[in-house]
């Protein structure tokens, strides 16, 4: 997966400023500019899925656009924009998984590694919901670790970009990332 720096940071910041001022052309230009990166992120989430899967990366991005437009005013820079995109895409995948579980009227939740649980497939719906629940618990226990998981894993940011966004050192990001991954794995594995 490529770095979140595909689009020039200054251009994204300028377009975000235009979006905050309510300029529809800025929103359109921004979405066109970041379209490739968002599709790669969604594709990354969907890469390991079976070919006949009903949810497609394009649908994730399209739905994310709709959900993000009203929230762009909260983004001051590229990192915040991609963090928002990551959070929205995670919510879309989790909602899709929850809907699938409701259709099946439950279903057993099985423990899985973090990386495997992040890609949606109907047979993995329970795992994705369990991971999302564990990530929500982590965010309540340690908001910074929750943000690090969101920015690194879901947002596709680098350690350096994550450190800059959170105002902490790269070493702290790496340490917290390691602890968060272990904690999430334990939580999902124990079905807590």
N, C-alpha and C. Protein backbone atom coordinates (compact mmCIF):
# COMPACT_ATOMS: atom_id res chain seq x y z
N UNK A 1 0.86 -1.17 0.00
CA UNK A 1 0.00 0.00 0.00
C UNK A 1 0.90 1.22 0.00
N UNK A 2 0.55 2.20 -0.81
CA UNK A 2 1.36 3.42 -0.89
C UNK A 2 1.10 4.31 0.31
N UNK A 3 2.02 5.24 0.51
CA UNK A 3 1.90 6.21 1.60
C UNK A 3 0.72 7.14 1.36
N UNK A 4 0.25 7.70 2.46
CA UNK A 4 -0.86 8.66 2.37
C UNK A 4 -0.41 9.96 1.72
N UNK A 5 0.86 10.06 1.36
CA UNK A 5 1.36 11.31 0.80
C UNK A 5 1.23 11.36 -0.72
N UNK A 6 0.37 10.51 -1.32
CA UNK A 6 0.19 10.48 -2.77
C UNK A 6 -0.19 11.86 -3.31
N UNK A 7 -1.10 12.54 -2.66
CA UNK A 7 -1.54 13.87 -3.09
C UNK A 7 -0.74 14.91 -2.32
N UNK A 8 -0.38 16.01 -2.96
CA UNK A 8 0.42 17.03 -2.28
C UNK A 8 -0.29 17.56 -1.03
N UNK A 9 0.37 17.53 0.13
CA UNK A 9 -0.26 17.95 1.39
C UNK A 9 -0.81 19.37 1.32
N UNK A 10 -0.08 20.29 0.71
CA UNK A 10 -0.51 21.68 0.65
C UNK A 10 -1.81 21.83 -0.13
N UNK A 11 -1.93 21.07 -1.22
CA UNK A 11 -3.13 21.14 -2.04
C UNK A 11 -4.32 20.60 -1.26
N UNK A 12 -4.13 19.47 -0.58
CA UNK A 12 -5.22 18.90 0.22
C UNK A 12 -5.64 19.88 1.31
N UNK A 13 -4.68 20.50 1.97
CA UNK A 13 -4.99 21.47 3.03
C UNK A 13 -5.79 22.64 2.46
N UNK A 14 -5.38 23.14 1.31
CA UNK A 14 -6.10 24.27 0.68
C UNK A 14 -7.53 23.86 0.34
N UNK A 15 -7.71 22.67 -0.19
CA UNK A 15 -9.05 22.21 -0.55
C UNK A 15 -9.90 21.98 0.70
N UNK A 16 -9.29 21.49 1.77
CA UNK A 16 -10.02 21.33 3.03
C UNK A 16 -10.47 22.68 3.58
N UNK A 17 -9.61 23.68 3.44
CA UNK A 17 -10.00 25.04 3.86
C UNK A 17 -11.20 25.53 3.04
N UNK A 18 -11.17 25.25 1.74
CA UNK A 18 -12.30 25.61 0.88
C UNK A 18 -13.57 24.87 1.29
N UNK A 19 -13.43 23.61 1.64
CA UNK A 19 -14.59 22.82 2.09
C UNK A 19 -15.16 23.41 3.38
N UNK A 20 -14.29 23.84 4.29
CA UNK A 20 -14.76 24.46 5.54
C UNK A 20 -15.51 25.76 5.26
N UNK A 21 -15.13 26.45 4.20
CA UNK A 21 -15.82 27.69 3.82
C UNK A 21 -17.10 27.41 3.04
N UNK A 22 -17.37 26.13 2.78
CA UNK A 22 -18.60 25.77 2.08
C UNK A 22 -18.51 25.86 0.57
N UNK A 23 -17.31 25.76 0.03
CA UNK A 23 -17.12 25.84 -1.42
C UNK A 23 -17.29 24.44 -2.04
N UNK A 24 -18.41 24.21 -2.73
CA UNK A 24 -18.65 22.87 -3.29
C UNK A 24 -17.59 22.43 -4.29
N UNK A 25 -17.01 23.38 -5.04
CA UNK A 25 -15.98 23.00 -6.01
C UNK A 25 -14.73 22.48 -5.29
N UNK A 26 -14.44 22.98 -4.09
CA UNK A 26 -13.29 22.49 -3.32
C UNK A 26 -13.52 21.05 -2.91
N UNK A 27 -14.74 20.73 -2.50
CA UNK A 27 -15.07 19.35 -2.10
C UNK A 27 -14.90 18.43 -3.31
N UNK A 28 -15.43 18.84 -4.45
CA UNK A 28 -15.31 18.03 -5.66
C UNK A 28 -13.86 17.80 -6.07
N UNK A 29 -13.06 18.87 -6.03
CA UNK A 29 -11.65 18.74 -6.38
C UNK A 29 -10.92 17.84 -5.39
N UNK A 30 -11.23 18.00 -4.11
CA UNK A 30 -10.59 17.17 -3.09
C UNK A 30 -10.89 15.70 -3.33
N UNK A 31 -12.16 15.40 -3.54
CA UNK A 31 -12.54 14.00 -3.73
C UNK A 31 -11.90 13.42 -4.99
N UNK A 32 -11.79 14.21 -6.04
CA UNK A 32 -11.11 13.75 -7.25
C UNK A 32 -9.63 13.49 -6.99
N UNK A 33 -9.02 14.36 -6.23
CA UNK A 33 -7.59 14.26 -5.94
C UNK A 33 -7.25 13.03 -5.10
N UNK A 34 -8.09 12.70 -4.13
CA UNK A 34 -7.80 11.60 -3.21
C UNK A 34 -8.46 10.29 -3.62
N UNK A 35 -9.22 10.31 -4.70
CA UNK A 35 -9.96 9.13 -5.12
C UNK A 35 -9.07 7.89 -5.23
N UNK A 36 -7.94 8.02 -5.88
CA UNK A 36 -7.05 6.87 -6.07
C UNK A 36 -6.57 6.30 -4.75
N UNK A 37 -6.16 7.17 -3.84
CA UNK A 37 -5.68 6.71 -2.53
C UNK A 37 -6.79 6.00 -1.77
N UNK A 38 -8.00 6.57 -1.78
CA UNK A 38 -9.11 5.95 -1.05
C UNK A 38 -9.48 4.61 -1.66
N UNK A 39 -9.44 4.51 -2.97
CA UNK A 39 -9.75 3.23 -3.62
C UNK A 39 -8.68 2.19 -3.28
N UNK A 40 -7.41 2.61 -3.20
CA UNK A 40 -6.35 1.68 -2.80
C UNK A 40 -6.56 1.21 -1.37
N UNK A 41 -6.95 2.14 -0.47
CA UNK A 41 -7.23 1.75 0.91
C UNK A 41 -8.38 0.75 0.97
N UNK A 42 -9.46 1.05 0.28
CA UNK A 42 -10.61 0.14 0.27
C UNK A 42 -10.22 -1.19 -0.37
N UNK A 43 -9.45 -1.13 -1.44
CA UNK A 43 -8.98 -2.35 -2.09
C UNK A 43 -8.12 -3.18 -1.15
N UNK A 44 -7.30 -2.51 -0.36
CA UNK A 44 -6.48 -3.21 0.64
C UNK A 44 -7.36 -3.97 1.61
N UNK A 45 -8.45 -3.34 2.04
CA UNK A 45 -9.37 -4.02 2.97
C UNK A 45 -10.05 -5.22 2.31
N UNK A 46 -10.28 -5.12 1.02
CA UNK A 46 -11.05 -6.15 0.32
C UNK A 46 -10.18 -7.18 -0.42
N UNK A 47 -8.88 -6.98 -0.46
CA UNK A 47 -7.99 -7.79 -1.29
C UNK A 47 -8.10 -9.30 -1.06
N UNK A 48 -8.27 -9.73 0.14
CA UNK A 48 -8.27 -11.16 0.43
C UNK A 48 -9.66 -11.80 0.32
N UNK A 49 -10.62 -11.06 -0.14
CA UNK A 49 -11.98 -11.58 -0.21
C UNK A 49 -12.17 -12.49 -1.41
N UNK A 50 -13.20 -13.30 -1.32
CA UNK A 50 -13.53 -14.20 -2.42
C UNK A 50 -14.05 -13.37 -3.60
N UNK A 51 -13.90 -13.86 -4.83
CA UNK A 51 -14.28 -13.08 -6.01
C UNK A 51 -15.77 -12.73 -6.09
N UNK A 52 -16.64 -13.54 -5.53
CA UNK A 52 -18.07 -13.29 -5.63
C UNK A 52 -18.62 -12.49 -4.45
N UNK A 53 -17.76 -11.85 -3.71
CA UNK A 53 -18.19 -11.05 -2.56
C UNK A 53 -19.11 -9.93 -3.03
N UNK A 54 -20.15 -9.63 -2.25
CA UNK A 54 -21.14 -8.65 -2.68
C UNK A 54 -20.73 -7.20 -2.43
N UNK A 55 -19.83 -6.94 -1.51
CA UNK A 55 -19.37 -5.58 -1.23
C UNK A 55 -18.07 -5.35 -2.00
N UNK A 56 -17.99 -4.26 -2.72
CA UNK A 56 -16.82 -3.93 -3.53
C UNK A 56 -16.13 -2.68 -2.99
N UNK A 57 -14.84 -2.58 -3.29
CA UNK A 57 -14.06 -1.41 -2.84
C UNK A 57 -14.68 -0.12 -3.36
N UNK A 58 -15.16 -0.13 -4.58
CA UNK A 58 -15.78 1.08 -5.15
C UNK A 58 -16.99 1.50 -4.33
N UNK A 59 -17.78 0.53 -3.89
CA UNK A 59 -18.97 0.84 -3.08
C UNK A 59 -18.57 1.41 -1.72
N UNK A 60 -17.49 0.88 -1.16
CA UNK A 60 -17.01 1.40 0.12
C UNK A 60 -16.62 2.87 -0.04
N UNK A 61 -15.86 3.18 -1.08
CA UNK A 61 -15.41 4.55 -1.31
C UNK A 61 -16.59 5.47 -1.59
N UNK A 62 -17.52 5.02 -2.43
CA UNK A 62 -18.69 5.84 -2.74
C UNK A 62 -19.50 6.16 -1.49
N UNK A 63 -19.72 5.15 -0.66
CA UNK A 63 -20.47 5.38 0.58
C UNK A 63 -19.67 6.27 1.53
N UNK A 64 -18.35 6.07 1.56
CA UNK A 64 -17.50 6.91 2.41
C UNK A 64 -17.59 8.38 1.98
N UNK A 65 -17.59 8.65 0.68
CA UNK A 65 -17.72 10.03 0.19
C UNK A 65 -18.98 10.67 0.76
N UNK A 66 -20.08 9.95 0.65
CA UNK A 66 -21.36 10.48 1.11
C UNK A 66 -21.32 10.81 2.59
N UNK A 67 -20.74 9.91 3.37
CA UNK A 67 -20.69 10.10 4.82
C UNK A 67 -19.67 11.16 5.24
N UNK A 68 -18.65 11.37 4.43
CA UNK A 68 -17.57 12.29 4.81
C UNK A 68 -17.86 13.74 4.46
N UNK A 69 -18.64 13.99 3.43
CA UNK A 69 -18.82 15.35 2.93
C UNK A 69 -19.21 16.32 4.04
N UNK A 70 -20.14 15.96 4.87
CA UNK A 70 -20.57 16.87 5.94
C UNK A 70 -19.58 16.99 7.08
N UNK A 71 -18.56 16.14 7.10
CA UNK A 71 -17.60 16.15 8.20
C UNK A 71 -16.24 16.70 7.81
N UNK A 72 -16.09 17.14 6.57
CA UNK A 72 -14.80 17.64 6.10
C UNK A 72 -14.35 18.89 6.84
N UNK A 73 -15.29 19.66 7.35
CA UNK A 73 -14.96 20.88 8.07
C UNK A 73 -14.13 20.63 9.32
N UNK A 74 -14.13 19.40 9.80
CA UNK A 74 -13.34 19.05 10.99
C UNK A 74 -11.90 18.70 10.65
N UNK A 75 -11.59 18.57 9.37
CA UNK A 75 -10.25 18.17 8.94
C UNK A 75 -9.42 19.39 8.60
N UNK A 76 -8.28 19.52 9.25
CA UNK A 76 -7.41 20.67 9.00
C UNK A 76 -6.24 20.33 8.07
N UNK A 77 -5.95 19.02 7.92
CA UNK A 77 -4.82 18.64 7.08
C UNK A 77 -5.04 17.24 6.51
N UNK A 78 -4.06 16.81 5.70
CA UNK A 78 -4.12 15.52 5.01
C UNK A 78 -4.26 14.36 5.98
N UNK A 79 -3.51 14.37 7.07
CA UNK A 79 -3.57 13.27 8.02
C UNK A 79 -4.96 13.15 8.64
N UNK A 80 -5.54 14.29 9.00
CA UNK A 80 -6.88 14.25 9.59
C UNK A 80 -7.91 13.77 8.56
N UNK A 81 -7.73 14.17 7.31
CA UNK A 81 -8.65 13.72 6.26
C UNK A 81 -8.58 12.20 6.12
N UNK A 82 -7.36 11.65 6.01
CA UNK A 82 -7.23 10.20 5.83
C UNK A 82 -7.65 9.44 7.09
N UNK A 83 -7.47 10.04 8.25
CA UNK A 83 -7.96 9.41 9.48
C UNK A 83 -9.49 9.34 9.46
N UNK A 84 -10.13 10.41 9.02
CA UNK A 84 -11.59 10.41 8.89
C UNK A 84 -12.02 9.36 7.88
N UNK A 85 -11.34 9.30 6.74
CA UNK A 85 -11.69 8.31 5.72
C UNK A 85 -11.55 6.90 6.27
N UNK A 86 -10.48 6.66 7.01
CA UNK A 86 -10.26 5.33 7.59
C UNK A 86 -11.37 4.98 8.57
N UNK A 87 -11.74 5.93 9.41
CA UNK A 87 -12.79 5.67 10.39
C UNK A 87 -14.13 5.39 9.70
N UNK A 88 -14.45 6.17 8.68
CA UNK A 88 -15.71 5.99 7.96
C UNK A 88 -15.73 4.63 7.25
N UNK A 89 -14.62 4.26 6.60
CA UNK A 89 -14.58 2.97 5.92
C UNK A 89 -14.68 1.82 6.92
N UNK A 90 -14.04 1.96 8.06
CA UNK A 90 -14.15 0.95 9.11
C UNK A 90 -15.60 0.83 9.55
N UNK A 91 -16.29 1.94 9.74
CA UNK A 91 -17.69 1.91 10.14
C UNK A 91 -18.55 1.23 9.08
N UNK A 92 -18.28 1.51 7.82
CA UNK A 92 -19.05 0.90 6.73
C UNK A 92 -18.87 -0.61 6.75
N UNK A 93 -17.63 -1.07 6.87
CA UNK A 93 -17.37 -2.51 6.90
C UNK A 93 -18.00 -3.17 8.12
N UNK A 94 -17.91 -2.50 9.25
CA UNK A 94 -18.49 -3.05 10.47
C UNK A 94 -20.02 -3.09 10.38
N UNK A 95 -20.62 -2.02 9.88
CA UNK A 95 -22.08 -2.01 9.71
C UNK A 95 -22.52 -3.11 8.76
N UNK A 96 -21.77 -3.32 7.70
CA UNK A 96 -22.09 -4.37 6.74
C UNK A 96 -22.00 -5.73 7.41
N UNK A 97 -20.96 -5.93 8.22
CA UNK A 97 -20.79 -7.19 8.94
C UNK A 97 -21.93 -7.40 9.94
N UNK A 98 -22.30 -6.35 10.67
CA UNK A 98 -23.39 -6.47 11.63
C UNK A 98 -24.70 -6.81 10.94
N UNK A 99 -24.95 -6.18 9.80
CA UNK A 99 -26.18 -6.46 9.05
C UNK A 99 -26.19 -7.92 8.61
N UNK A 100 -25.04 -8.42 8.17
CA UNK A 100 -24.96 -9.81 7.75
C UNK A 100 -25.24 -10.74 8.93
N UNK A 101 -24.69 -10.41 10.09
CA UNK A 101 -24.94 -11.24 11.27
C UNK A 101 -26.42 -11.22 11.65
N UNK A 102 -27.06 -10.06 11.55
CA UNK A 102 -28.49 -9.98 11.86
C UNK A 102 -29.28 -10.88 10.92
N UNK A 103 -28.87 -10.90 9.64
CA UNK A 103 -29.55 -11.76 8.68
C UNK A 103 -29.42 -13.22 9.07
N UNK A 104 -28.29 -13.57 9.61
CA UNK A 104 -28.06 -14.96 10.01
C UNK A 104 -28.58 -15.23 11.42
N UNK A 105 -29.10 -14.19 12.08
CA UNK A 105 -29.60 -14.28 13.46
C UNK A 105 -28.52 -14.76 14.42
N UNK A 106 -27.42 -14.07 14.37
CA UNK A 106 -26.34 -14.40 15.30
C UNK A 106 -25.16 -14.96 14.56
N UNK A 107 -24.71 -16.12 15.01
CA UNK A 107 -23.52 -16.72 14.43
C UNK A 107 -22.40 -16.66 15.46
N UNK A 108 -21.60 -17.67 15.48
CA UNK A 108 -20.52 -17.75 16.46
C UNK A 108 -19.40 -16.79 16.14
N UNK A 109 -18.91 -16.11 17.14
CA UNK A 109 -17.76 -15.24 17.00
C UNK A 109 -16.52 -16.06 17.30
N UNK A 110 -15.58 -16.07 16.37
CA UNK A 110 -14.35 -16.84 16.55
C UNK A 110 -13.17 -15.88 16.63
N UNK A 111 -12.18 -16.20 17.47
CA UNK A 111 -11.00 -15.34 17.55
C UNK A 111 -10.15 -15.45 16.28
N UNK A 112 -9.61 -14.29 15.84
CA UNK A 112 -8.76 -14.25 14.66
C UNK A 112 -7.67 -13.20 14.86
N UNK A 113 -6.59 -13.32 14.11
CA UNK A 113 -5.56 -12.27 14.17
C UNK A 113 -6.12 -10.95 13.64
N UNK A 114 -5.57 -9.85 14.13
CA UNK A 114 -6.03 -8.52 13.76
C UNK A 114 -6.07 -8.33 12.25
N UNK A 115 -5.00 -8.67 11.55
CA UNK A 115 -4.93 -8.41 10.12
C UNK A 115 -6.00 -9.17 9.35
N UNK A 116 -6.33 -10.40 9.77
CA UNK A 116 -7.34 -11.19 9.08
C UNK A 116 -8.74 -10.66 9.35
N UNK A 117 -8.96 -10.12 10.52
CA UNK A 117 -10.30 -9.66 10.89
C UNK A 117 -10.68 -8.37 10.20
N UNK A 118 -9.74 -7.66 9.64
CA UNK A 118 -10.03 -6.36 9.06
C UNK A 118 -10.58 -6.40 7.65
N UNK A 119 -10.61 -7.56 7.05
CA UNK A 119 -11.14 -7.68 5.70
C UNK A 119 -12.48 -8.37 5.80
N UNK A 120 -13.51 -7.77 5.16
CA UNK A 120 -14.85 -8.28 5.32
C UNK A 120 -15.16 -9.42 4.35
N UNK A 121 -15.79 -10.42 4.87
CA UNK A 121 -16.41 -11.50 4.11
C UNK A 121 -17.57 -11.96 4.97
N UNK A 122 -18.67 -12.42 4.37
CA UNK A 122 -19.80 -12.84 5.19
C UNK A 122 -19.41 -13.86 6.26
N UNK A 123 -18.53 -14.77 5.92
CA UNK A 123 -18.12 -15.76 6.91
C UNK A 123 -17.24 -15.15 8.01
N UNK A 124 -16.77 -13.93 7.81
CA UNK A 124 -15.93 -13.26 8.80
C UNK A 124 -16.68 -12.13 9.50
N UNK A 125 -17.97 -12.03 9.30
CA UNK A 125 -18.75 -10.92 9.86
C UNK A 125 -18.59 -10.84 11.37
N UNK A 126 -18.70 -11.97 12.05
CA UNK A 126 -18.58 -11.97 13.51
C UNK A 126 -17.21 -11.52 13.97
N UNK A 127 -16.19 -11.90 13.22
CA UNK A 127 -14.83 -11.53 13.57
C UNK A 127 -14.64 -10.02 13.45
N UNK A 128 -15.18 -9.43 12.39
CA UNK A 128 -15.05 -8.00 12.19
C UNK A 128 -15.78 -7.23 13.28
N UNK A 129 -16.96 -7.70 13.64
CA UNK A 129 -17.72 -7.07 14.72
C UNK A 129 -16.96 -7.19 16.04
N UNK A 130 -16.39 -8.37 16.31
CA UNK A 130 -15.61 -8.56 17.54
C UNK A 130 -14.40 -7.62 17.56
N UNK A 131 -13.73 -7.47 16.42
CA UNK A 131 -12.59 -6.57 16.35
C UNK A 131 -13.04 -5.13 16.58
N UNK A 132 -14.13 -4.72 15.95
CA UNK A 132 -14.61 -3.36 16.12
C UNK A 132 -14.98 -3.11 17.58
N UNK A 133 -15.62 -4.06 18.22
CA UNK A 133 -15.97 -3.91 19.64
C UNK A 133 -14.71 -3.79 20.50
N UNK A 134 -13.70 -4.61 20.18
CA UNK A 134 -12.44 -4.55 20.93
C UNK A 134 -11.75 -3.20 20.71
N UNK A 135 -11.77 -2.70 19.47
CA UNK A 135 -11.15 -1.41 19.19
C UNK A 135 -11.88 -0.28 19.92
N UNK A 136 -13.19 -0.36 20.00
CA UNK A 136 -13.94 0.64 20.77
C UNK A 136 -13.55 0.60 22.24
N UNK A 137 -13.36 -0.61 22.80
CA UNK A 137 -12.93 -0.72 24.21
C UNK A 137 -11.53 -0.13 24.38
N UNK A 138 -10.64 -0.41 23.42
CA UNK A 138 -9.28 0.14 23.48
C UNK A 138 -9.33 1.66 23.43
N UNK A 139 -10.18 2.22 22.57
CA UNK A 139 -10.29 3.68 22.46
C UNK A 139 -10.77 4.30 23.77
N UNK A 140 -11.61 3.58 24.53
CA UNK A 140 -12.05 4.09 25.83
C UNK A 140 -10.94 3.97 26.87
N UNK A 141 -10.17 2.88 26.82
CA UNK A 141 -9.09 2.67 27.78
C UNK A 141 -7.87 3.55 27.49
N UNK A 142 -7.52 3.64 26.23
CA UNK A 142 -6.35 4.41 25.83
C UNK A 142 -6.62 5.06 24.48
N UNK A 143 -7.20 6.26 24.49
CA UNK A 143 -7.57 6.92 23.24
C UNK A 143 -6.41 7.06 22.26
N UNK A 144 -5.22 7.32 22.76
CA UNK A 144 -4.07 7.48 21.86
C UNK A 144 -3.76 6.19 21.12
N UNK A 145 -3.78 5.06 21.82
CA UNK A 145 -3.53 3.79 21.15
C UNK A 145 -4.62 3.50 20.12
N UNK A 146 -5.85 3.83 20.45
CA UNK A 146 -6.94 3.65 19.49
C UNK A 146 -6.72 4.47 18.24
N UNK A 147 -6.28 5.73 18.41
CA UNK A 147 -6.01 6.59 17.26
C UNK A 147 -4.83 6.06 16.45
N UNK A 148 -3.83 5.52 17.13
CA UNK A 148 -2.67 4.97 16.42
C UNK A 148 -3.09 3.80 15.54
N UNK A 149 -3.92 2.90 16.06
CA UNK A 149 -4.41 1.79 15.26
C UNK A 149 -5.19 2.32 14.06
N UNK A 150 -6.04 3.28 14.31
CA UNK A 150 -6.86 3.84 13.25
C UNK A 150 -6.01 4.50 12.17
N UNK A 151 -5.02 5.29 12.56
CA UNK A 151 -4.20 6.01 11.60
C UNK A 151 -3.26 5.08 10.84
N UNK A 152 -2.58 4.17 11.55
CA UNK A 152 -1.63 3.28 10.90
C UNK A 152 -2.31 2.22 10.06
N UNK A 153 -3.25 1.53 10.68
CA UNK A 153 -3.82 0.37 10.00
C UNK A 153 -4.96 0.75 9.06
N UNK A 154 -5.91 1.48 9.57
CA UNK A 154 -7.07 1.81 8.75
C UNK A 154 -6.80 3.00 7.84
N UNK A 155 -6.01 3.96 8.30
CA UNK A 155 -5.75 5.16 7.51
C UNK A 155 -4.60 5.05 6.55
N UNK A 156 -3.76 4.03 6.72
CA UNK A 156 -2.64 3.85 5.82
C UNK A 156 -1.54 4.88 5.99
N UNK A 157 -1.54 5.61 7.11
CA UNK A 157 -0.48 6.59 7.34
C UNK A 157 0.79 5.87 7.77
N UNK A 158 1.92 6.52 7.60
CA UNK A 158 3.19 5.97 8.05
C UNK A 158 3.36 6.28 9.54
N UNK A 159 4.36 5.67 10.14
CA UNK A 159 4.67 5.96 11.54
C UNK A 159 5.01 7.44 11.70
N UNK A 160 5.79 7.96 10.77
CA UNK A 160 6.18 9.38 10.83
C UNK A 160 4.95 10.29 10.74
N UNK A 161 4.04 10.01 9.80
CA UNK A 161 2.84 10.82 9.64
C UNK A 161 1.93 10.71 10.86
N UNK A 162 1.85 9.52 11.42
CA UNK A 162 1.03 9.32 12.62
C UNK A 162 1.60 10.10 13.79
N UNK A 163 2.91 10.04 13.95
CA UNK A 163 3.57 10.78 15.02
C UNK A 163 3.30 12.28 14.88
N UNK A 164 3.42 12.78 13.66
CA UNK A 164 3.17 14.21 13.42
C UNK A 164 1.73 14.57 13.72
N UNK A 165 0.80 13.74 13.31
CA UNK A 165 -0.62 14.02 13.54
C UNK A 165 -0.95 14.05 15.03
N UNK A 166 -0.34 13.14 15.79
CA UNK A 166 -0.65 13.04 17.22
C UNK A 166 0.28 13.89 18.09
N UNK A 167 1.33 14.46 17.50
CA UNK A 167 2.26 15.28 18.28
C UNK A 167 3.10 14.48 19.26
N UNK A 168 3.46 13.26 18.86
CA UNK A 168 4.29 12.40 19.71
C UNK A 168 5.47 11.89 18.88
N UNK A 169 6.41 11.21 19.52
CA UNK A 169 7.58 10.71 18.81
C UNK A 169 7.25 9.45 18.02
N UNK A 170 8.05 9.18 17.01
CA UNK A 170 7.89 7.95 16.24
C UNK A 170 8.10 6.73 17.12
N UNK A 171 9.01 6.84 18.06
CA UNK A 171 9.28 5.72 18.98
C UNK A 171 8.03 5.41 19.81
N UNK A 172 7.34 6.45 20.27
CA UNK A 172 6.11 6.26 21.04
C UNK A 172 5.03 5.61 20.18
N UNK A 173 4.93 6.04 18.92
CA UNK A 173 3.95 5.44 18.01
C UNK A 173 4.24 3.95 17.87
N UNK A 174 5.50 3.59 17.63
CA UNK A 174 5.86 2.18 17.45
C UNK A 174 5.56 1.36 18.70
N UNK A 175 5.89 1.92 19.87
CA UNK A 175 5.65 1.21 21.13
C UNK A 175 4.15 1.01 21.35
N UNK A 176 3.38 2.09 21.19
CA UNK A 176 1.94 2.00 21.39
C UNK A 176 1.27 1.09 20.37
N UNK A 177 1.75 1.10 19.14
CA UNK A 177 1.22 0.24 18.08
C UNK A 177 1.41 -1.22 18.46
N UNK A 178 2.60 -1.54 18.96
CA UNK A 178 2.88 -2.92 19.36
C UNK A 178 1.98 -3.35 20.52
N UNK A 179 1.85 -2.50 21.51
CA UNK A 179 1.00 -2.81 22.67
C UNK A 179 -0.46 -2.94 22.23
N UNK A 180 -0.93 -2.03 21.40
CA UNK A 180 -2.32 -2.05 20.94
C UNK A 180 -2.63 -3.32 20.15
N UNK A 181 -1.72 -3.70 19.26
CA UNK A 181 -1.95 -4.93 18.48
C UNK A 181 -2.05 -6.14 19.39
N UNK A 182 -1.15 -6.23 20.37
CA UNK A 182 -1.19 -7.37 21.30
C UNK A 182 -2.49 -7.36 22.10
N UNK A 183 -2.89 -6.18 22.58
CA UNK A 183 -4.11 -6.07 23.37
C UNK A 183 -5.32 -6.46 22.53
N UNK A 184 -5.41 -5.95 21.31
CA UNK A 184 -6.54 -6.28 20.44
C UNK A 184 -6.58 -7.77 20.12
N UNK A 185 -5.42 -8.34 19.83
CA UNK A 185 -5.37 -9.77 19.53
C UNK A 185 -5.88 -10.58 20.72
N UNK A 186 -5.43 -10.22 21.91
CA UNK A 186 -5.88 -10.93 23.11
C UNK A 186 -7.39 -10.79 23.30
N UNK A 187 -7.90 -9.58 23.13
CA UNK A 187 -9.33 -9.33 23.30
C UNK A 187 -10.17 -10.11 22.31
N UNK A 188 -9.76 -10.10 21.05
CA UNK A 188 -10.53 -10.79 20.02
C UNK A 188 -10.39 -12.30 20.20
N UNK A 189 -9.20 -12.78 20.56
CA UNK A 189 -8.97 -14.20 20.74
C UNK A 189 -9.77 -14.79 21.90
N UNK A 190 -9.96 -13.99 22.92
CA UNK A 190 -10.70 -14.47 24.10
C UNK A 190 -12.18 -14.18 23.97
N UNK A 191 -12.59 -13.56 22.88
CA UNK A 191 -14.00 -13.28 22.66
C UNK A 191 -14.60 -12.36 23.70
N UNK A 192 -13.74 -11.51 24.29
CA UNK A 192 -14.19 -10.63 25.36
C UNK A 192 -15.12 -9.57 24.84
